[in-house]
Protein backbone atom coordinates (compact mmCIF):
# COMPACT_ATOMS: atom_id res chain seq x y z
CA MET A 1 9.17 0.20 -20.88
CA LEU A 2 11.26 -0.37 -17.74
CA ASP A 3 12.38 3.26 -17.55
CA PHE A 4 8.78 4.42 -17.92
CA ASN A 5 7.27 2.19 -15.22
CA VAL A 6 9.85 1.36 -12.55
CA PRO A 7 11.35 4.74 -11.44
CA GLY A 8 9.24 7.80 -10.79
CA GLY A 9 7.67 7.01 -7.43
CA LYS A 10 8.88 8.00 -3.97
CA LEU A 11 10.85 4.70 -3.72
CA ASN A 12 10.06 4.47 0.01
CA ARG A 13 9.46 0.72 -0.14
CA GLY A 14 12.74 0.04 -1.89
CA MET A 15 14.86 2.30 0.29
CA ALA A 16 13.37 0.81 3.45
CA VAL A 17 15.30 -2.45 2.98
CA LEU A 18 18.68 -0.80 3.63
CA ASP A 19 17.19 1.25 6.48
CA VAL A 20 15.99 -1.96 8.15
CA LEU A 21 19.38 -3.64 7.70
CA LYS A 22 21.13 -0.63 9.29
CA ALA A 23 18.64 -0.60 12.17
CA ILE A 24 19.30 -4.28 12.91
CA LYS A 25 23.08 -4.43 12.47
CA GLY A 26 24.08 -0.82 13.08
CA THR A 27 25.13 1.42 10.19
CA GLU A 28 28.84 1.01 10.91
CA HIS A 29 28.58 -2.80 10.70
CA VAL A 30 26.86 -3.00 7.30
CA THR A 31 29.34 -4.09 4.61
CA LYS A 32 29.35 -2.79 1.05
CA GLU A 33 28.19 -6.20 -0.15
CA GLU A 34 25.27 -6.21 2.28
CA ALA A 35 24.32 -2.66 1.30
CA PHE A 36 24.40 -3.66 -2.37
CA LYS A 37 22.17 -6.67 -1.70
CA ALA A 38 19.75 -4.54 0.32
CA ASN A 39 19.48 -2.05 -2.54
CA ALA A 40 19.09 -4.87 -5.08
CA LEU A 41 16.16 -6.22 -3.05
CA GLY A 42 14.80 -2.69 -2.80
CA TRP A 43 14.73 -2.52 -6.59
CA CYS A 44 13.03 -5.93 -6.69
CA ILE A 45 10.25 -4.43 -4.59
CA GLU A 46 10.00 -1.44 -6.94
CA TRP A 47 9.87 -3.82 -9.94
CA LEU A 48 7.11 -5.76 -8.21
CA GLN A 49 5.17 -2.57 -7.53
CA ALA A 50 5.55 -1.55 -11.18
CA PHE A 51 3.96 -4.86 -12.17
CA PHE A 52 1.10 -4.25 -9.74
CA LEU A 53 0.53 -0.67 -10.94
CA VAL A 54 0.58 -1.46 -14.67
CA SER A 55 -1.97 -4.21 -14.06
CA ASP A 56 -4.07 -2.12 -11.66
CA ASP A 57 -4.33 0.76 -14.13
CA ILE A 58 -5.69 -1.55 -16.81
CA MET A 59 -8.25 -3.08 -14.45
CA ASP A 60 -9.35 0.34 -13.13
CA ASN A 61 -9.33 1.96 -16.59
CA SER A 62 -7.13 4.68 -15.08
CA VAL A 63 -5.90 7.67 -17.09
CA THR A 64 -2.75 8.90 -15.35
CA ARG A 65 -0.13 7.51 -13.00
CA ARG A 66 2.64 9.55 -11.34
CA GLY A 67 1.81 12.61 -13.41
CA GLN A 68 1.98 10.90 -16.80
CA PRO A 69 -0.37 8.75 -18.90
CA CYS A 70 -0.80 5.18 -17.74
CA TRP A 71 1.45 2.79 -19.67
CA TYR A 72 -1.42 0.99 -21.40
CA ARG A 73 -2.70 4.36 -22.71
CA MET A 74 0.57 5.18 -24.44
CA PRO A 75 0.48 5.06 -28.26
CA GLU A 76 1.07 1.57 -29.66
CA VAL A 77 1.00 -0.05 -26.20
CA GLY A 78 -2.63 -0.85 -25.37
CA THR A 79 -3.16 -4.46 -24.32
CA VAL A 80 0.54 -5.20 -24.85
CA ALA A 81 0.82 -3.70 -21.36
CA ILE A 82 -0.60 -6.96 -19.98
CA ASN A 83 2.46 -8.82 -21.23
CA ASP A 84 4.71 -5.96 -20.12
CA GLY A 85 3.42 -6.48 -16.58
CA ILE A 86 4.44 -10.13 -16.76
CA ILE A 87 7.89 -9.07 -17.99
CA LEU A 88 8.23 -6.64 -15.07
CA GLU A 89 7.52 -9.44 -12.62
CA SER A 90 9.93 -11.80 -14.36
CA CYS A 91 12.71 -9.17 -14.21
CA MET A 92 12.36 -9.17 -10.44
CA TYR A 93 13.04 -12.90 -10.28
CA ARG A 94 15.96 -12.50 -12.68
CA ILE A 95 17.54 -10.00 -10.27
CA LEU A 96 16.99 -12.42 -7.39
CA LYS A 97 18.60 -15.26 -9.36
CA ASN A 98 21.60 -13.20 -10.47
CA HIS A 99 22.45 -11.77 -7.07
CA PHE A 100 21.06 -14.13 -4.42
CA ARG A 101 21.23 -17.66 -5.84
CA SER A 102 24.33 -18.48 -3.77
CA THR A 103 23.00 -17.04 -0.50
CA PRO A 104 21.63 -19.32 2.23
CA TYR A 105 18.35 -17.39 2.23
CA TYR A 106 17.62 -17.56 -1.52
CA VAL A 107 14.70 -19.97 -1.13
CA GLU A 108 13.25 -17.84 1.67
CA LEU A 109 13.44 -14.78 -0.60
CA LEU A 110 11.65 -16.58 -3.42
CA ASP A 111 8.96 -17.75 -1.03
CA LEU A 112 8.60 -14.23 0.42
CA PHE A 113 8.10 -12.59 -2.99
CA HIS A 114 5.75 -15.34 -4.21
CA GLU A 115 3.67 -15.14 -1.03
CA THR A 116 3.52 -11.34 -1.16
CA THR A 117 2.34 -11.44 -4.78
CA HIS A 118 -0.28 -14.04 -3.80
CA GLN A 119 -1.57 -11.86 -0.94
CA THR A 120 -1.62 -8.67 -3.03
CA ALA A 121 -3.45 -10.32 -5.92
CA HIS A 122 -6.13 -11.53 -3.52
CA GLY A 123 -6.44 -8.01 -2.10
CA GLN A 124 -6.87 -6.65 -5.63
CA LEU A 125 -9.55 -9.27 -6.32
CA LEU A 126 -11.43 -8.30 -3.16
CA ASP A 127 -11.22 -4.64 -4.18
CA LEU A 128 -12.54 -5.32 -7.68
CA THR A 129 -15.39 -7.58 -6.58
CA THR A 130 -16.47 -5.35 -3.69
CA ALA A 131 -16.91 -2.33 -5.95
CA PRO A 132 -17.03 -3.50 -9.59
CA PRO A 133 -17.03 -0.73 -12.22
CA GLY A 134 -20.48 0.48 -13.17
CA THR A 135 -22.31 -0.82 -10.10
CA THR A 136 -22.78 0.47 -6.55
CA ASP A 137 -23.65 -2.06 -3.84
CA LEU A 138 -23.11 -0.32 -0.51
CA SER A 139 -24.07 -3.47 1.40
CA LYS A 140 -20.56 -4.74 0.60
CA PHE A 141 -18.94 -1.64 2.12
CA THR A 142 -18.39 -3.15 5.58
CA VAL A 143 -15.53 -2.71 8.02
CA ASN A 144 -14.59 -6.38 7.63
CA ASN A 145 -14.45 -6.23 3.83
CA TYR A 146 -12.53 -2.96 3.90
CA MET A 147 -9.89 -4.18 6.34
CA ARG A 148 -9.36 -7.37 4.33
CA ILE A 149 -8.82 -5.33 1.17
CA VAL A 150 -6.26 -2.94 2.68
CA THR A 151 -4.43 -5.69 4.56
CA PHE A 152 -3.89 -7.88 1.52
CA LYS A 153 -3.65 -5.23 -1.19
CA THR A 154 -1.39 -2.74 0.60
CA ALA A 155 0.02 -3.81 3.96
CA TYR A 156 1.89 -6.95 2.91
CA TYR A 157 3.92 -5.55 0.04
CA SER A 158 4.27 -1.98 1.30
CA PHE A 159 5.40 -2.71 4.86
CA TYR A 160 6.04 -6.37 5.63
CA LEU A 161 7.97 -7.17 2.43
CA PRO A 162 10.78 -4.58 2.77
CA VAL A 163 11.24 -5.32 6.48
CA ALA A 164 11.33 -9.09 5.92
CA CYS A 165 13.93 -8.57 3.16
CA GLY A 166 16.13 -6.58 5.53
CA MET A 167 15.74 -9.24 8.21
CA LEU A 168 16.82 -12.01 5.83
CA ILE A 169 19.96 -10.13 4.72
CA SER A 170 20.87 -9.52 8.36
CA GLY A 171 20.80 -13.27 9.03
CA ILE A 172 17.60 -13.52 11.07
CA THR A 173 15.98 -16.95 10.75
CA ASP A 174 13.72 -17.10 13.82
CA ALA A 175 10.11 -17.58 12.71
CA HIS A 176 8.91 -15.79 15.86
CA ALA A 177 10.81 -12.66 14.82
CA PHE A 178 9.13 -12.62 11.41
CA GLN A 179 5.71 -13.14 12.99
CA ALA A 180 6.30 -10.34 15.49
CA ALA A 181 7.28 -8.04 12.62
CA LYS A 182 4.23 -9.05 10.58
CA ASP A 183 1.86 -8.41 13.50
CA ILE A 184 3.10 -4.82 13.78
CA LEU A 185 3.58 -4.06 10.10
CA LEU A 186 0.16 -5.19 8.93
CA ILE A 187 -1.45 -2.78 11.41
CA MET A 188 0.93 -0.07 10.21
CA GLY A 189 -0.03 -0.83 6.61
CA GLN A 190 -3.74 -0.57 7.47
CA TYR A 191 -3.11 2.80 9.09
CA PHE A 192 -1.17 3.95 6.01
CA GLN A 193 -4.03 3.07 3.64
CA ILE A 194 -6.64 4.70 5.89
CA GLN A 195 -4.49 7.85 5.77
CA ASP A 196 -4.58 7.64 1.98
CA ASP A 197 -8.37 7.39 2.01
CA TYR A 198 -8.62 10.37 4.36
CA LEU A 199 -6.25 12.49 2.26
CA ASP A 200 -8.18 11.65 -0.90
CA CYS A 201 -11.08 13.70 0.48
CA PHE A 202 -9.60 16.07 3.05
CA GLY A 203 -6.05 16.53 1.76
CA ASP A 204 -4.83 19.61 -0.10
CA PRO A 205 -4.54 18.71 -3.82
CA ASP A 206 -1.55 21.06 -4.16
CA VAL A 207 0.25 19.09 -1.44
CA ILE A 208 -0.75 15.50 -2.28
CA GLY A 209 -0.22 16.12 -5.99
CA LYS A 210 -3.61 14.94 -7.21
CA ILE A 211 -7.32 15.58 -6.93
CA GLY A 212 -9.02 12.79 -5.01
CA THR A 213 -11.51 10.65 -6.93
CA ASP A 214 -12.49 7.88 -4.49
CA ILE A 215 -16.11 9.09 -4.28
CA GLN A 216 -16.78 9.19 -8.01
CA ASP A 217 -14.72 6.01 -8.53
CA ASN A 218 -17.02 4.11 -6.15
CA LYS A 219 -14.11 3.03 -3.92
CA CYS A 220 -14.73 0.96 -0.81
CA GLY A 221 -12.80 3.42 1.35
CA TRP A 222 -12.53 4.12 5.06
CA LEU A 223 -14.60 7.30 4.90
CA VAL A 224 -17.64 5.80 3.20
CA VAL A 225 -17.51 2.74 5.46
CA GLN A 226 -17.48 4.97 8.54
CA ALA A 227 -20.21 7.20 7.09
CA LEU A 228 -22.52 4.25 6.49
CA GLN A 229 -22.06 3.19 10.11
CA LYS A 230 -22.83 6.64 11.53
CA ALA A 231 -25.49 7.84 9.10
CA SER A 232 -29.22 8.00 9.75
CA SER A 233 -31.60 6.44 7.23
CA SER A 234 -31.98 9.73 5.36
CA GLN A 235 -28.22 10.27 5.35
CA GLN A 236 -27.62 6.75 4.05
CA GLN A 237 -29.99 7.56 1.21
CA ILE A 238 -27.84 10.56 0.29
CA ILE A 239 -24.86 8.20 0.00
CA LYS A 240 -26.84 5.71 -2.08
CA ASP A 241 -28.06 8.44 -4.43
CA ASN A 242 -24.69 10.12 -4.95
CA TYR A 243 -21.78 7.73 -4.23
CA GLY A 244 -20.07 6.44 -7.35
CA ARG A 245 -21.53 9.20 -9.53
CA GLY A 246 -19.18 11.12 -11.78
CA ASN A 247 -20.71 14.58 -11.57
CA LEU A 248 -19.26 17.23 -9.26
CA GLU A 249 -22.60 17.98 -7.56
CA ALA A 250 -22.93 14.38 -6.36
CA VAL A 251 -19.37 14.38 -5.07
CA GLN A 252 -19.98 17.60 -3.14
CA ARG A 253 -23.14 16.16 -1.55
CA VAL A 254 -21.16 13.20 -0.24
CA LYS A 255 -18.34 15.43 1.02
CA LYS A 256 -20.84 17.71 2.74
CA LEU A 257 -22.25 14.66 4.51
CA TYR A 258 -18.74 13.59 5.57
CA TYR A 259 -18.32 16.97 7.26
CA ALA A 260 -21.75 16.71 8.89
CA LEU A 261 -20.86 13.25 10.27
CA GLU A 262 -17.58 14.69 11.63
CA LEU A 263 -15.40 12.15 9.85
CA GLU A 264 -12.37 14.44 9.92
CA PRO A 265 -12.11 14.50 13.76
CA LEU A 266 -12.96 10.77 13.76
CA PHE A 267 -9.89 10.14 11.61
CA LYS A 268 -7.71 12.34 13.84
CA GLN A 269 -8.72 10.24 16.83
CA TYR A 270 -8.11 7.01 14.91
CA GLU A 271 -4.66 8.30 13.91
CA ALA A 272 -3.69 9.13 17.50
CA ASP A 273 -5.01 5.78 18.78
CA SER A 274 -3.20 3.84 16.03
CA HIS A 275 0.07 5.64 16.75
CA ASP A 276 -0.19 4.84 20.46
CA LYS A 277 -1.10 1.21 19.75
CA LEU A 278 1.79 0.74 17.36
CA LEU A 279 4.32 2.30 19.74
CA LYS A 280 3.11 0.01 22.50
CA MET A 281 3.47 -3.07 20.28
CA ILE A 282 6.90 -1.95 19.08
CA HIS A 283 8.29 -1.56 22.58
CA GLN A 284 6.65 -4.71 23.92
CA GLN A 285 8.35 -7.00 21.39
CA GLU A 286 11.94 -7.96 22.19
CA VAL A 287 13.13 -9.71 19.03
CA LEU A 288 13.98 -6.68 16.88
CA PRO A 289 15.38 -3.20 17.58
CA PRO A 290 12.51 -0.69 17.91
CA ALA A 291 14.15 1.46 15.22
CA VAL A 292 13.18 -1.15 12.60
CA PHE A 293 9.59 -0.03 13.08
CA THR A 294 9.84 3.52 14.39
CA MET A 295 11.76 4.74 11.33
CA LEU A 296 8.80 3.61 9.21
CA LEU A 297 6.17 4.94 11.59
CA ASN A 298 7.86 8.34 11.83
CA LYS A 299 7.75 8.71 8.04
CA ILE A 300 3.99 8.24 7.84
CA TYR A 301 2.62 9.62 11.15
CA LYS A 302 0.52 12.74 10.44
CA ARG A 303 1.72 12.83 6.83
CA THR A 304 0.00 15.28 4.51
CA LYS A 305 0.77 13.58 1.21
């Protein structure tokens, strides 16, 4: 079960912990013990993500994940996957206990992982209740609701968690430093998820490795939120009549409207503005080396998958 669910992704979240530690201390000053601890925390993040994904697939009734059937759809698994998710989460805390119990920042690590799980679960709840399966209520597809979903569901665990782990290993205890990091990383996480929403519609399936399904899955995504803001009454009716429908014709009508509303250039402008805003924030703060943030930003800026 562990081999099926934990490896297999890009591992960017997990590998970021060591990258952050090196950016703070300098590569030549990172000891083998510190590197081991950074990688152990990286695997904790990957274990946590596996727990999230196994649970998310059940709630979304998903079919595939990372090019293979979802765990709960495997023969003889089914609803046992619910308990497997709990085991995945418990393994993460076992790793923390085995390797960090004697460190001065053990309690801070426990609090960080508990708080991140709390935030992500609330983001998942917002996602599920904003667009419940089988119903389409576009009145809930607002900018405010969307930004709350992506902040809590994605930004905390994908960006703030690995950086905060690297900061703790490096010995940083200043609360202002963690807040400065969070202010930047939550915006970076929002940008990352908006990229995902854009690529779901406008990305090349051969490059991103999947065919986007946000329209037929009735997702509260950045594109539909922007479309509802820009659309005329007749265009809004097109969205209402076709969004969340499973047939290809309905999907194509929505995509055609996205092109008519010029959402692709709107995203390009948002991407450029977000990049400039993040760089400004990164260089204005003085508590952490800019490389802590720029190495993450460089990996995602103008990504195509």
